Amino acid sequence: MYLNISEMGKGIYGIEAASHFYFNKPARTLTRQDAARIAACLPNPKVFTIRPLSPHVATRAAWIQAQMGNLQEDPDIQKLLQ
């Protein structure tokens, strides 16, 4: 629920709005890199910007993507993705 209501940029609320604003596509079609960048802007998207890409977001997004890879084979995660 948090990703559906949190501010992801000035006046941009929720993952769907952020996906359209930053990447011109629906959230369900985001790449892992796109999703990681949106997640990395939290908790302060006015300082940790996606466009232009702030150093914090770039570094944090890489870490988030690594964690996605670590969780990829987790059985509980796989159940959620089905």
Protein backbone atom coordinates (compact mmCIF):
# COMPACT_ATOMS: atom_id res chain seq x y z
CA MET A 1 0.00 0.00 0.00
CA TYR A 2 2.88 2.40 0.78
CA LEU A 3 4.00 2.48 -2.85
CA ASN A 4 0.48 3.43 -3.95
CA ILE A 5 0.32 6.59 -1.83
CA SER A 6 3.87 7.79 -1.20
CA GLU A 7 5.25 10.85 -2.92
CA MET A 8 7.76 9.87 -5.60
CA GLY A 9 8.56 13.38 -6.78
CA LYS A 10 7.05 16.84 -6.55
CA GLY A 11 3.31 16.20 -6.90
CA ILE A 12 3.81 12.58 -8.03
CA TYR A 13 2.00 10.15 -5.77
CA GLY A 14 2.20 6.39 -6.13
CA ILE A 15 4.19 3.95 -8.20
CA GLU A 16 1.84 4.12 -11.19
CA ALA A 17 2.10 7.91 -11.46
CA ALA A 18 5.89 7.75 -11.01
CA SER A 19 6.18 5.07 -13.67
CA HIS A 20 4.29 7.19 -16.20
CA PHE A 21 6.09 10.41 -15.26
CA TYR A 22 9.66 9.08 -15.27
CA PHE A 23 9.49 6.22 -17.78
CA ASN A 24 6.34 6.81 -19.88
CA LYS A 25 4.95 3.33 -19.21
CA PRO A 26 2.68 1.47 -16.78
CA ALA A 27 4.19 0.21 -13.54
CA ARG A 28 3.62 -3.42 -14.51
CA THR A 29 6.09 -3.00 -17.39
CA LEU A 30 8.90 -1.38 -15.40
CA THR A 31 12.32 -2.97 -15.71
CA ARG A 32 14.16 -3.91 -12.54
CA GLN A 33 16.40 -0.89 -13.04
CA ASP A 34 13.42 1.45 -13.41
CA ALA A 35 11.70 0.02 -10.31
CA ALA A 36 14.92 0.20 -8.30
CA ARG A 37 15.38 3.86 -9.21
CA ILE A 38 11.86 4.71 -8.08
CA ALA A 39 12.36 2.82 -4.81
CA ALA A 40 15.76 4.47 -4.29
CA CYS A 41 14.28 7.97 -4.30
CA LEU A 42 12.43 7.21 -1.07
CA PRO A 43 12.12 8.60 1.58
CA ASN A 44 13.00 12.01 0.08
CA PRO A 45 12.28 12.22 -3.66
CA LYS A 46 12.70 15.99 -3.69
CA VAL A 47 16.38 15.57 -2.77
CA PHE A 48 17.07 12.05 -4.11
CA THR A 49 16.00 12.63 -7.69
CA ILE A 50 15.46 10.22 -10.55
CA ARG A 51 15.64 12.95 -13.19
CA PRO A 52 18.33 14.16 -13.06
CA LEU A 53 19.70 10.98 -11.53
CA SER A 54 21.22 11.87 -8.19
CA PRO A 55 24.34 10.01 -7.03
CA HIS A 56 22.37 8.66 -4.06
CA VAL A 57 19.67 7.18 -6.29
CA ALA A 58 22.25 5.66 -8.65
CA THR A 59 24.13 3.97 -5.80
CA ARG A 60 21.04 2.92 -3.89
CA ALA A 61 19.32 1.59 -7.03
CA ALA A 62 22.31 -0.66 -7.75
CA TRP A 63 22.09 -2.04 -4.20
CA ILE A 64 18.33 -2.58 -4.55
CA GLN A 65 18.85 -4.48 -7.81
CA ALA A 66 21.42 -6.71 -6.10
CA GLN A 67 18.86 -7.47 -3.39
CA MET A 68 16.26 -8.29 -6.05
CA GLY A 69 18.71 -10.83 -7.43
CA ASN A 70 19.30 -12.29 -3.98
CA LEU A 71 15.56 -12.75 -3.44
CA GLN A 72 14.75 -13.97 -6.93
CA GLU A 73 14.82 -17.67 -6.05
CA ASP A 74 13.18 -17.33 -2.64
CA PRO A 75 10.11 -19.63 -2.53
CA ASP A 76 7.97 -17.11 -0.68
CA ILE A 77 8.76 -14.42 -3.24
CA GLN A 78 7.97 -16.84 -6.07
CA LYS A 79 4.52 -17.48 -4.54
CA LEU A 80 3.83 -13.74 -4.54
CA LEU A 81 4.82 -13.44 -8.19
CA GLN A 82 2.48 -16.17 -9.40
